[in-house]
Amino acid sequence: MTPVIEFRGVSKSYRGVPAVSDISLTIRGGEVLAVLGENGAGKSTLTKMMAGVVEPTAGEILLDGKPVRLPNPAVALDLGIAMVFQETSLVPSMTVGQNLFLGDEKAFNRLRGVSIASQQFLQSLNFNVDPTALVSTLGVAKKQMVEIARAVRKNVRLIIFDEPTASLTPEEKQHFFALVQRLKESGIAIVFISHALEEALMLADRIMVMRDGEHIVDGPASEFDRDRIIRAMVGRTMTDQLYDQKSTQRPRGRKVLTVENLSLGKIVRNTSFSIYSGQITGMFGLIGSGRTETAKIIAGVIKRNFFHGGTIRLEGRPVRYRVPRAAVNDGIVYVTEDRKVEGFFEQLSITDNLRMGHLASKWSAPWVVKPSEILPIAEHWRKALHIRAINGDTHVVELSGGNQQKVVIAKGLLQKPKLVIFDEPTRGVDVGAIAEIHALIKQLADDGLAVIVISSYLPEILNLSDRILVFRQGRVVEEFLPDQADEETIMYASVH
């Protein structure tokens, strides 16, 4: 078949530093190409050039065999290229239906008609999303579903998925995989970026691996296995022990947090549990189970019911936070799952983002942080978390997703917390960075901090946790020790 799109010697540089170097690539209709690599390998930059988000500094792009220039996403979309971004690009003040039809409006529109058409389309994709809901009220997983649906509705010839399954539940992933298969059978070319290597091996017809902005290897998916991909990605062998179940359990320390009969509308319902120092408490549950909302109430991000909302005790003292600042001052830090919206200031540098985190802590002077004070702190955390950037003045928006996640974690940890809540800490993060983040989380617990890890990925929960709390319908329904449970047992508790 004639290639839908072809790259010939394409390169892209930022401030003279290459992000992608001399890439040659062809993508054909009805083909699923998985692009794999560590964070900062150049995957997103490569696909953004396909979608017209950024232009190459060298090389040539061909569409249907003819040279083409893609100066912006609107031109790319007119030519039949759509991209589902890792960080959602929806309009939060509009409804789901309005976002789906954004750019395709008629001269006169009825909101009811848009909602009905959107509901029918979402149901055809097996996506359970209310078309009349404001996007700002949706969780990360449902925002991702809307992004996918918006791209599919455009009837394009090439769709680029950047970490589309990172926040989806196992059932939602199966619906997405079936959708990809239908798109492939209809002749649409698909580019698929994922850090879940098993998904790439299952879905892809062809696999391409990048490292440090360069094309390392590509070929039919049947020629690859997990070990070969990892060796190509990181240039070294990593053991398969990344997600092995824990062999030892940390003993309980002092009781840091007690939650009794916590309630928030119909989302959190009379849930109770305790958190101990020196332990990692894993929280698992399907989307809508109330685990994230529970964490946000503890951290002061959202408020529980005023009457009959339950009690939260921090080291035996009742607390009720109106804003996160008060929780931070008491030593509670929440590392958000939605880093783009809640985690950082994307147009500020790494150093300035860390300065904002330092300002929020009780350890800094009010409103003032001297450059001589914050520069060594920022450099320490940049090196400690291996944040890959040109320097501390690099804007966070220019970083890869995994390095952005490390900035969010560093912002929280420099506040010297006693309780750290990680919400999906490795979403959109490569295998090398996953190992680094896991080691950091374990070290925090070994140092005596109380740690909560919320994750939709069961192997991660089993690997990290000293205790596992299972959420269903807004409350904790089961508690397991890692050696008492397996993936099947935990999943059964979360749905039955």
Protein backbone atom coordinates (compact mmCIF):
# COMPACT_ATOMS: atom_id res chain seq x y z
CA MET A 1 0.00 0.00 0.00
CA THR A 2 1.06 3.61 -0.58
CA PRO A 3 2.25 5.15 2.69
CA VAL A 4 -0.23 7.53 4.27
CA ILE A 5 2.62 9.58 5.71
CA GLU A 6 6.39 9.39 5.29
CA PHE A 7 9.26 11.06 7.15
CA ARG A 8 12.60 11.54 5.39
CA GLY A 9 15.53 12.63 7.54
CA VAL A 10 13.31 14.66 9.87
CA SER A 11 14.89 16.47 12.85
CA LYS A 12 13.59 18.87 15.48
CA SER A 13 15.69 21.01 17.83
CA TYR A 14 14.85 23.25 20.76
CA ARG A 15 17.36 26.01 21.54
CA GLY A 16 19.87 24.17 19.41
CA VAL A 17 19.44 20.93 21.39
CA PRO A 18 18.05 18.08 19.22
CA ALA A 19 14.85 16.41 20.46
CA VAL A 20 14.55 14.24 17.33
CA SER A 21 17.46 13.50 14.99
CA ASP A 22 17.32 12.27 11.38
CA ILE A 23 14.18 10.12 11.58
CA SER A 24 13.02 8.24 8.49
CA LEU A 25 9.68 6.46 8.80
CA THR A 26 6.69 5.27 6.75
CA ILE A 27 3.16 4.55 8.00
CA ARG A 28 0.60 2.72 5.85
CA GLY A 29 -3.18 2.52 5.99
CA GLY A 30 -4.63 -0.29 8.10
CA GLU A 31 -1.39 -0.54 10.10
CA VAL A 32 -0.86 -0.08 13.84
CA LEU A 33 2.60 1.31 14.61
CA ALA A 34 3.71 1.33 18.26
CA VAL A 35 6.33 4.00 19.02
CA LEU A 36 8.19 3.11 22.22
CA GLY A 37 10.96 4.68 24.26
CA GLU A 38 11.88 6.22 27.59
CA ASN A 39 10.56 9.60 28.67
CA GLY A 40 12.50 12.22 26.73
CA ALA A 41 13.28 9.78 23.91
CA GLY A 42 11.45 12.01 21.39
CA LYS A 43 8.22 10.04 20.90
CA SER A 44 5.84 12.92 21.57
CA THR A 45 7.93 15.34 19.51
CA LEU A 46 7.84 12.92 16.57
CA THR A 47 4.07 12.50 16.71
CA LYS A 48 3.47 16.22 17.27
CA MET A 49 5.25 16.86 13.96
CA MET A 50 2.82 14.42 12.33
CA ALA A 51 -0.13 16.32 13.85
CA GLY A 52 1.12 19.81 12.98
CA VAL A 53 1.72 20.86 16.60
CA VAL A 54 5.39 21.60 15.92
CA GLU A 55 7.28 21.93 12.64
CA PRO A 56 10.54 20.10 11.90
CA THR A 57 13.77 22.08 11.71
CA ALA A 58 15.12 19.77 9.00
CA GLY A 59 13.93 16.98 6.73
CA GLU A 60 10.80 16.37 4.67
CA ILE A 61 7.27 15.10 5.39
CA LEU A 62 5.30 13.43 2.59
CA LEU A 63 1.54 12.76 2.54
CA ASP A 64 0.36 10.29 -0.13
CA GLY A 65 3.83 10.55 -1.65
CA LYS A 66 3.76 14.36 -2.00
CA PRO A 67 5.74 16.84 0.14
CA VAL A 68 3.53 18.68 2.59
CA ARG A 69 3.89 21.35 5.27
CA LEU A 70 1.92 20.99 8.51
CA PRO A 71 2.14 24.41 10.19
CA ASN A 72 -0.67 23.83 12.70
CA PRO A 73 -3.12 21.12 13.87
CA ALA A 74 -6.01 22.61 11.84
CA VAL A 75 -4.13 22.02 8.58
CA ALA A 76 -3.22 18.48 9.67
CA LEU A 77 -6.85 17.76 10.57
CA ASP A 78 -8.05 19.03 7.17
CA LEU A 79 -5.58 16.57 5.60
CA GLY A 80 -6.96 13.70 7.70
CA ILE A 81 -4.53 13.54 10.66
CA ALA A 82 -5.82 13.66 14.26
CA MET A 83 -4.01 13.25 17.56
CA VAL A 84 -5.27 12.19 21.00
CA PHE A 85 -2.88 13.90 23.41
CA GLN A 86 -1.53 12.42 26.62
CA GLU A 87 -2.70 15.56 28.45
CA THR A 88 -6.28 16.31 27.44
CA SER A 89 -6.96 19.43 25.33
CA LEU A 90 -10.71 19.73 25.95
CA VAL A 91 -12.55 22.97 26.77
CA PRO A 92 -13.47 22.56 30.46
CA SER A 93 -16.35 25.08 30.45
CA MET A 94 -18.20 23.22 27.66
CA THR A 95 -20.23 20.01 27.84
CA VAL A 96 -18.98 16.68 26.52
CA GLY A 97 -21.29 16.98 23.51
CA GLN A 98 -20.10 20.49 22.68
CA ASN A 99 -16.48 19.33 22.81
CA LEU A 100 -17.22 16.43 20.46
CA PHE A 101 -18.74 18.75 17.85
CA LEU A 102 -16.35 21.67 18.42
CA GLY A 103 -15.25 22.99 15.01
CA ASP A 104 -18.07 21.19 13.16
CA GLU A 105 -20.96 23.38 14.32
CA LYS A 106 -23.77 24.30 11.98
CA ALA A 107 -25.07 27.85 11.56
CA PHE A 108 -27.82 27.07 14.07
CA ASN A 109 -27.36 24.46 16.79
CA ARG A 110 -29.71 22.93 19.35
CA LEU A 111 -27.96 21.78 22.49
CA ARG A 112 -30.47 18.97 22.84
CA GLY A 113 -29.69 17.72 19.33
CA VAL A 114 -25.95 17.86 19.99
CA SER A 115 -26.42 15.92 23.24
CA ILE A 116 -28.53 13.20 21.58
CA ALA A 117 -26.06 12.76 18.71
CA SER A 118 -23.15 12.67 21.17
CA GLN A 119 -24.86 10.08 23.36
CA GLN A 120 -25.48 7.80 20.38
CA PHE A 121 -21.89 8.14 19.21
CA LEU A 122 -20.40 7.52 22.68
CA GLN A 123 -22.61 4.45 23.13
CA SER A 124 -21.40 3.09 19.78
CA LEU A 125 -17.88 3.21 21.25
CA ASN A 126 -18.99 1.62 24.56
CA PHE A 127 -17.89 4.77 26.43
CA ASN A 128 -20.05 5.47 29.47
CA VAL A 129 -19.88 9.29 29.55
CA ASP A 130 -22.78 11.71 30.07
CA PRO A 131 -22.85 14.05 27.02
CA THR A 132 -24.51 16.82 29.05
CA ALA A 133 -21.81 16.88 31.76
CA LEU A 134 -19.35 19.75 31.88
CA VAL A 135 -15.82 18.55 31.06
CA SER A 136 -14.53 20.31 34.17
CA THR A 137 -16.55 17.88 36.32
CA LEU A 138 -15.09 14.73 34.71
CA GLY A 139 -12.27 12.62 36.05
CA VAL A 140 -9.10 11.96 34.08
CA ALA A 141 -10.33 8.63 32.65
CA LYS A 142 -13.56 10.04 31.24
CA LYS A 143 -11.75 13.06 29.80
CA GLN A 144 -9.51 10.59 27.98
CA MET A 145 -12.58 8.79 26.59
CA VAL A 146 -13.93 12.09 25.23
CA GLU A 147 -10.55 12.86 23.62
CA ILE A 148 -10.55 9.45 21.90
CA ALA A 149 -14.16 9.84 20.76
CA ARG A 150 -13.49 13.33 19.36
CA ALA A 151 -10.61 12.05 17.23
CA VAL A 152 -12.52 9.01 15.97
CA ARG A 153 -15.56 11.14 15.00
CA LYS A 154 -13.47 13.18 12.55
CA ASN A 155 -13.31 10.28 10.03
CA VAL A 156 -9.58 10.82 9.55
CA ARG A 157 -6.97 8.63 7.79
CA LEU A 158 -4.30 8.71 10.50
CA ILE A 159 -4.95 8.77 14.25
CA ILE A 160 -2.15 9.24 16.78
CA PHE A 161 -2.79 7.96 20.31
CA ASP A 162 -0.39 9.27 22.97
CA GLU A 163 -0.77 7.12 26.12
CA PRO A 164 -4.53 6.55 25.54
CA THR A 165 -4.96 3.80 28.16
CA ALA A 166 -2.93 5.29 31.01
CA SER A 167 -5.99 6.20 33.08
CA LEU A 168 -8.52 3.62 31.85
CA THR A 169 -9.81 0.64 33.83
CA PRO A 170 -9.26 -2.91 32.50
CA GLU A 171 -12.82 -3.02 31.11
CA GLU A 172 -12.45 0.36 29.41
CA LYS A 173 -9.13 -0.77 27.92
CA GLN A 174 -10.85 -3.75 26.30
CA HIS A 175 -13.39 -1.40 24.67
CA PHE A 176 -10.51 0.75 23.42
CA PHE A 177 -8.63 -2.27 21.99
CA ALA A 178 -11.79 -3.34 20.14
CA LEU A 179 -12.11 0.20 18.77
CA VAL A 180 -8.52 0.16 17.50
CA GLN A 181 -9.20 -3.14 15.74
CA ARG A 182 -12.29 -1.68 14.02
CA LEU A 183 -10.34 1.38 12.91
CA LYS A 184 -7.56 -0.79 11.56
CA GLU A 185 -10.01 -2.96 9.58
CA SER A 186 -11.49 0.19 8.02
CA GLY A 187 -8.06 1.11 6.61
CA ILE A 188 -7.11 3.86 9.07
CA ALA A 189 -3.43 4.15 9.97
CA ILE A 190 -2.77 4.24 13.72
CA VAL A 191 0.27 5.41 15.67
CA PHE A 192 0.22 4.20 19.26
CA ILE A 193 2.51 5.52 22.02
CA SER A 194 2.42 3.54 25.25
CA HIS A 195 4.65 2.64 28.18
CA ALA A 196 2.63 -0.54 28.69
CA LEU A 197 4.80 -2.89 26.65
CA GLU A 198 2.28 -5.75 26.79
CA GLU A 199 -0.32 -3.51 25.12
CA ALA A 200 2.11 -2.60 22.36
CA LEU A 201 2.99 -6.24 21.73
CA MET A 202 -0.68 -7.17 21.61
CA LEU A 203 -2.01 -4.31 19.46
CA ALA A 204 0.80 -3.37 17.11
CA ASP A 205 1.62 -4.71 13.65
CA ARG A 206 4.97 -2.94 13.76
CA ILE A 207 7.11 -1.62 16.62
CA MET A 208 9.55 1.28 16.49
CA VAL A 209 11.89 2.04 19.41
CA MET A 210 13.49 5.45 20.01
CA ARG A 211 16.27 6.48 22.36
CA ASP A 212 17.70 9.98 22.89
CA GLY A 213 15.79 11.28 19.87
CA GLU A 214 17.15 8.65 17.50
CA HIS A 215 15.54 5.75 15.63
CA ILE A 216 17.07 2.65 17.25
CA VAL A 217 15.16 -0.26 15.71
CA ASP A 218 11.85 -1.15 14.11
CA GLY A 219 10.22 -4.22 12.64
CA PRO A 220 7.19 -6.52 12.79
CA ALA A 221 5.77 -6.91 16.30
CA SER A 222 6.20 -10.69 16.02
CA GLU A 223 9.99 -10.18 16.09
CA PHE A 224 9.90 -8.43 19.49
CA ASP A 225 9.41 -9.50 23.08
CA ARG A 226 9.51 -7.49 26.31
CA ASP A 227 13.24 -8.02 26.91
CA ARG A 228 14.26 -6.93 23.41
CA ILE A 229 12.13 -3.77 23.64
CA ILE A 230 13.58 -2.80 27.04
CA ARG A 231 17.14 -3.38 25.88
CA ALA A 232 16.53 -1.14 22.86
CA MET A 233 14.75 1.52 24.96
CA VAL A 234 17.24 1.91 27.78
CA GLY A 235 20.41 0.45 26.32
CA ARG A 236 20.67 -2.04 29.16
CA THR A 237 18.93 -5.11 30.52
CA MET A 238 16.27 -4.63 33.17
CA THR A 239 14.96 -7.57 35.13
CA ASP A 240 11.31 -8.51 35.12
CA GLN A 241 11.21 -7.88 38.87
CA LEU A 242 9.69 -4.39 38.36
CA TYR A 243 6.21 -5.54 39.27
CA ASP A 244 6.93 -8.69 41.26
CA GLN A 245 4.85 -9.13 44.39
CA LYS A 246 6.42 -7.96 47.67
CA SER A 247 8.36 -10.52 49.70
CA THR A 248 8.61 -8.53 52.94
CA GLN A 249 6.20 -6.25 54.77
CA ARG A 250 7.21 -3.15 56.71
CA PRO A 251 5.92 -3.10 60.31
CA ARG A 252 3.35 -0.53 61.34
CA GLY A 253 4.67 2.64 62.92
CA ARG A 254 2.63 5.21 64.79
CA LYS A 255 -0.90 6.00 63.60
CA VAL A 256 -0.58 9.17 61.51
CA LEU A 257 -4.08 9.46 60.04
CA THR A 258 -7.50 8.21 61.12
CA VAL A 259 -10.55 8.56 58.86
CA GLU A 260 -13.97 7.80 60.35
CA ASN A 261 -17.27 7.77 58.44
CA LEU A 262 -16.00 10.19 55.77
CA SER A 263 -18.78 11.28 53.38
CA LEU A 264 -19.12 13.51 50.31
CA GLY A 265 -22.48 13.35 48.56
CA LYS A 266 -22.86 10.05 46.73
CA ILE A 267 -19.15 9.83 45.86
CA VAL A 268 -17.67 9.00 49.28
CA ARG A 269 -19.94 7.11 51.66
CA ASN A 270 -19.09 6.57 55.33
CA THR A 271 -15.61 5.24 54.66
CA SER A 272 -13.18 4.54 57.51
CA PHE A 273 -9.51 3.51 57.64
CA SER A 274 -6.15 4.36 59.25
CA ILE A 275 -2.71 5.18 57.85
CA TYR A 276 0.55 4.38 59.64
CA SER A 277 4.07 5.81 59.44
CA GLY A 278 6.79 3.72 57.84
CA GLN A 279 4.29 1.92 55.61
CA ILE A 280 2.97 2.20 52.07
CA THR A 281 -0.82 1.86 51.95
CA GLY A 282 -2.11 0.99 48.50
CA MET A 283 -5.59 2.09 47.43
CA PHE A 284 -7.25 0.25 44.56
CA GLY A 285 -10.67 0.67 43.01
CA LEU A 286 -12.35 1.13 39.67
CA ILE A 287 -13.11 4.57 38.25
CA GLY A 288 -15.84 6.18 40.35
CA SER A 289 -15.07 4.13 43.47
CA GLY A 290 -14.22 7.28 45.46
CA ARG A 291 -10.54 6.65 46.12
CA THR A 292 -9.26 9.90 44.52
CA GLU A 293 -12.04 11.97 46.10
CA THR A 294 -11.18 10.50 49.51
CA ALA A 295 -7.54 11.51 49.04
CA LYS A 296 -8.53 15.02 47.95
CA ILE A 297 -10.71 15.48 51.04
CA ILE A 298 -7.79 14.46 53.27
CA ALA A 299 -5.51 16.94 51.47
CA GLY A 300 -8.01 19.82 51.57
CA VAL A 301 -8.52 19.94 47.79
CA ILE A 302 -12.27 19.33 48.14
CA LYS A 303 -14.55 19.57 51.17
CA ARG A 304 -16.52 16.78 52.80
CA ASN A 305 -20.16 17.14 53.84
CA PHE A 306 -20.57 19.89 56.41
CA PHE A 307 -23.11 17.85 58.39
CA HIS A 308 -22.42 14.15 58.97
CA GLY A 309 -19.25 14.37 56.88
CA GLY A 310 -17.23 12.24 59.27
CA THR A 311 -13.99 12.89 61.11
CA ILE A 312 -10.34 13.12 60.06
CA ARG A 313 -7.67 12.94 62.74
CA LEU A 314 -4.03 13.76 62.04
CA GLU A 315 -1.86 12.29 64.80
CA GLY A 316 -4.93 12.21 67.04
CA ARG A 317 -5.96 15.82 66.37
CA PRO A 318 -9.27 16.47 64.51
CA VAL A 319 -8.69 18.48 61.31
CA ARG A 320 -10.94 19.98 58.63
CA TYR A 321 -9.11 21.76 55.83
CA ARG A 322 -10.74 24.45 53.72
CA VAL A 323 -7.75 24.78 51.37
CA PRO A 324 -4.68 22.61 50.60
CA ARG A 325 -2.32 25.22 52.14
CA ALA A 326 -3.49 24.32 55.64
CA ALA A 327 -2.95 20.61 54.94
CA VAL A 328 0.53 21.30 53.56
CA ASN A 329 1.41 23.25 56.70
CA ASP A 330 0.35 20.21 58.72
CA GLY A 331 2.57 17.93 56.62
CA ILE A 332 0.08 16.42 54.13
CA VAL A 333 1.06 16.49 50.46
CA TYR A 334 -1.12 15.27 47.57
CA VAL A 335 0.64 14.43 44.27
CA THR A 336 -2.16 14.76 41.75
CA GLU A 337 -3.08 12.34 38.94
CA ASP A 338 -3.85 15.27 36.57
CA ARG A 339 -0.47 16.95 36.44
CA LYS A 340 -1.29 19.32 33.56
CA VAL A 341 -4.31 20.93 35.25
CA GLU A 342 -3.40 20.62 38.94
CA GLY A 343 0.30 19.79 39.14
CA PHE A 344 2.46 22.55 37.68
CA PHE A 345 2.66 25.89 35.87
CA GLU A 346 3.55 24.78 32.35
CA GLN A 347 4.90 28.13 31.14
CA LEU A 348 7.24 28.49 34.11
CA SER A 349 10.66 26.89 34.41
CA ILE A 350 11.52 23.87 36.54
CA THR A 351 13.19 26.17 39.08
CA ASP A 352 10.19 28.53 39.24
CA ASN A 353 7.79 25.61 39.72
CA LEU A 354 9.88 24.33 42.60
CA ARG A 355 10.01 27.86 44.01
CA MET A 356 6.19 27.88 44.02
CA GLY A 357 6.21 24.61 45.94
CA HIS A 358 8.70 26.06 48.41
CA LEU A 359 6.54 29.17 48.88
CA ALA A 360 3.57 26.96 49.78
CA SER A 361 5.47 25.33 52.62
CA LYS A 362 5.75 26.61 56.16
CA TRP A 363 9.54 26.40 55.89
CA SER A 364 9.88 29.51 53.69
CA ALA A 365 9.54 33.18 54.62
CA PRO A 366 6.12 34.57 53.58
CA TRP A 367 6.00 35.60 49.88
CA VAL A 368 9.76 35.79 49.54
CA VAL A 369 12.26 33.19 48.42
CA LYS A 370 15.72 34.43 47.53
CA PRO A 371 17.22 33.06 44.28
CA SER A 372 20.31 32.07 46.24
CA GLU A 373 18.03 29.96 48.47
CA ILE A 374 15.95 28.19 45.82
CA LEU A 375 18.62 27.50 43.16
CA PRO A 376 20.53 24.86 45.19
CA ILE A 377 17.23 23.30 46.31
CA ALA A 378 15.97 23.08 42.72
CA GLU A 379 19.27 21.65 41.50
CA HIS A 380 19.25 19.07 44.30
CA TRP A 381 15.79 17.78 43.36
CA ARG A 382 16.52 17.90 39.64
CA LYS A 383 19.49 15.59 40.21
CA ALA A 384 17.82 13.45 42.88
CA LEU A 385 14.85 12.62 40.62
CA HIS A 386 16.91 12.54 37.39
CA ILE A 387 14.76 15.18 35.69
CA ARG A 388 16.04 15.26 32.11
CA ALA A 389 16.23 18.85 30.88
CA ILE A 390 18.71 21.26 29.31
CA ASN A 391 18.90 23.15 32.63
CA GLY A 392 16.72 24.40 35.47
CA ASP A 393 15.44 27.25 33.28
CA THR A 394 13.72 24.85 30.88
CA HIS A 395 9.96 25.43 30.73
CA VAL A 396 8.00 22.50 32.13
CA VAL A 397 5.78 22.41 29.01
CA GLU A 398 8.89 21.43 27.02
CA LEU A 399 9.53 18.32 29.16
CA SER A 400 8.30 14.81 28.45
CA GLY A 401 5.35 13.50 30.48
CA GLY A 402 7.54 11.45 32.81
CA ASN A 403 9.85 14.36 33.59
CA GLN A 404 6.81 16.59 34.21
CA GLN A 405 5.64 13.97 36.72
CA LYS A 406 9.00 14.14 38.47
CA VAL A 407 8.65 17.93 38.78
CA VAL A 408 5.25 17.49 40.45
CA ILE A 409 6.72 14.93 42.89
CA ALA A 410 9.67 17.21 43.67
CA LYS A 411 7.30 20.13 44.35
CA GLY A 412 5.55 18.03 46.98
CA LEU A 413 8.58 16.47 48.62
CA LEU A 414 10.48 19.72 49.16
CA GLN A 415 7.67 20.71 51.54
CA LYS A 416 9.01 18.13 54.03
CA PRO A 417 5.75 16.19 54.51
CA LYS A 418 4.86 13.53 57.08
CA LEU A 419 2.10 12.02 54.87
CA VAL A 420 2.46 11.79 51.07
CA ILE A 421 -0.44 10.76 48.83
CA PHE A 422 0.60 9.62 45.34
CA ASP A 423 -2.35 9.48 42.91
CA GLU A 424 -1.37 7.39 39.84
CA PRO A 425 2.34 8.24 40.30
CA THR A 426 3.53 6.38 37.19
CA ARG A 427 0.78 7.33 34.72
CA GLY A 428 2.45 7.98 31.36
CA VAL A 429 5.91 7.06 32.66
CA ASP A 430 8.43 4.72 31.01
CA VAL A 431 9.88 1.57 32.59
CA GLY A 432 13.13 3.24 33.60
CA ALA A 433 11.39 6.14 35.32
CA ILE A 434 8.87 3.75 36.92
CA ALA A 435 11.74 1.97 38.65
CA GLU A 436 13.13 5.32 39.86
CA ILE A 437 9.75 6.51 41.20
CA HIS A 438 9.11 3.16 42.89
CA ALA A 439 12.52 3.30 44.56
CA LEU A 440 11.76 6.84 45.77
CA ILE A 441 8.37 5.83 47.21
CA LYS A 442 9.91 2.86 49.02
CA GLN A 443 12.70 5.05 50.41
CA LEU A 444 10.15 7.53 51.80
CA ALA A 445 8.45 4.70 53.71
CA ASP A 446 11.82 3.36 54.89
CA ASP A 447 12.59 6.87 56.21
CA GLY A 448 9.47 6.73 58.38
CA LEU A 449 6.96 8.71 56.33
CA ALA A 450 3.37 7.57 55.90
CA VAL A 451 2.72 6.94 52.20
CA ILE A 452 -0.51 6.35 50.27
CA VAL A 453 -0.35 5.10 46.67
CA ILE A 454 -3.49 5.19 44.52
CA SER A 455 -3.11 3.16 41.33
CA SER A 456 -5.30 1.50 38.72
CA TYR A 457 -2.51 -0.98 37.92
CA LEU A 458 -2.71 -4.03 40.16
CA PRO A 459 0.92 -5.21 39.74
CA GLU A 460 2.05 -1.79 40.97
CA ILE A 461 -0.25 -1.99 44.01
CA LEU A 462 1.01 -5.50 44.86
CA ASN A 463 4.65 -4.50 44.39
CA LEU A 464 4.61 -1.36 46.53
CA SER A 465 2.02 -1.88 49.25
CA ASP A 466 2.40 -3.05 52.83
CA ARG A 467 -1.42 -2.88 53.15
CA ILE A 468 -4.03 -2.76 50.40
CA LEU A 469 -7.39 -0.99 50.78
CA VAL A 470 -10.02 -1.81 48.15
CA PHE A 471 -12.64 0.83 47.35
CA ARG A 472 -16.10 0.19 45.93
CA GLN A 473 -19.04 2.57 45.64
CA GLY A 474 -17.43 5.25 47.77
CA ARG A 475 -16.16 3.19 50.70
CA VAL A 476 -13.41 0.80 51.76
CA VAL A 477 -14.83 -2.70 51.40
CA GLU A 478 -11.74 -4.90 51.95
CA GLU A 479 -8.27 -4.73 53.44
CA PHE A 480 -5.53 -7.14 52.36
CA LEU A 481 -1.91 -7.81 53.09
CA PRO A 482 0.09 -8.36 49.88
CA ASP A 483 0.84 -12.00 50.71
CA GLN A 484 -2.88 -12.65 51.31
CA ALA A 485 -4.12 -11.49 47.92
CA ASP A 486 -3.48 -11.71 44.21
CA GLU A 487 -4.79 -9.69 41.27
CA GLU A 488 -7.90 -11.83 40.92
CA THR A 489 -8.85 -11.53 44.60
CA ILE A 490 -8.44 -7.74 44.65
CA MET A 491 -10.34 -7.25 41.38
CA TYR A 492 -13.18 -9.47 42.65
CA ALA A 493 -13.44 -7.34 45.81
CA SER A 494 -13.58 -4.14 43.74
CA VAL A 495 -16.54 -5.27 41.62
CA HIS A 496 -18.59 -7.59 43.88
